[in-house]
Amino acid sequence: MLKFKLIKENGNITNQEQVIKQFQEYLPKLKNWMHVIEIKAFRKTRSLNQNRFFHWPFLTHLADILWCDTITAKDEAKRMHLSVPYTWLDQHTHWKVLSTANLTTIEFEAFIDRLRLWIDEDYRVTLIKPSQTEFNYEI
């Protein structure tokens, strides 16, 4: 399978020559079948710092508030704030829980903010912000 990056800036493909060259090199390898070309947008997923903050201390504090372990706290948070409705063949509305791994940095930050607001409103507890976190490492 051929994979290459198209870099589009200001409405123009900036690496057009490279893409055309790669495609032309790949064309002779194709068999006489129908082929599908799929173009997907690249999305930067959450950062390592966001991931570290979410798994500790944020989930630890959330688990303490909900009186459960961190896995259950994460599942509950995702169920409440990362669920999207869809209609299945039975014409009923079902809910699909999305993964945090596919969120962009901005979407992940919004998810954390929704969780903080939920805990503040329902439990009257303020969860920490990333700026209130300090990591001390000893070597």
Foldseek 3Di string as FASTA:
>chain_A
DDDDDFDDDPRDGPPVVVVVVSVVVCVVVDDPDDDDDDDDDDAAAADPLLVVVCQPPQLVVQCVLVVHDSVVSVVVLQQVQQWDWDADPVRDIDIDRDDSRPHHNVRSVVSVVVVQVVCCVPVVDGGDDSVPDDDDDDD
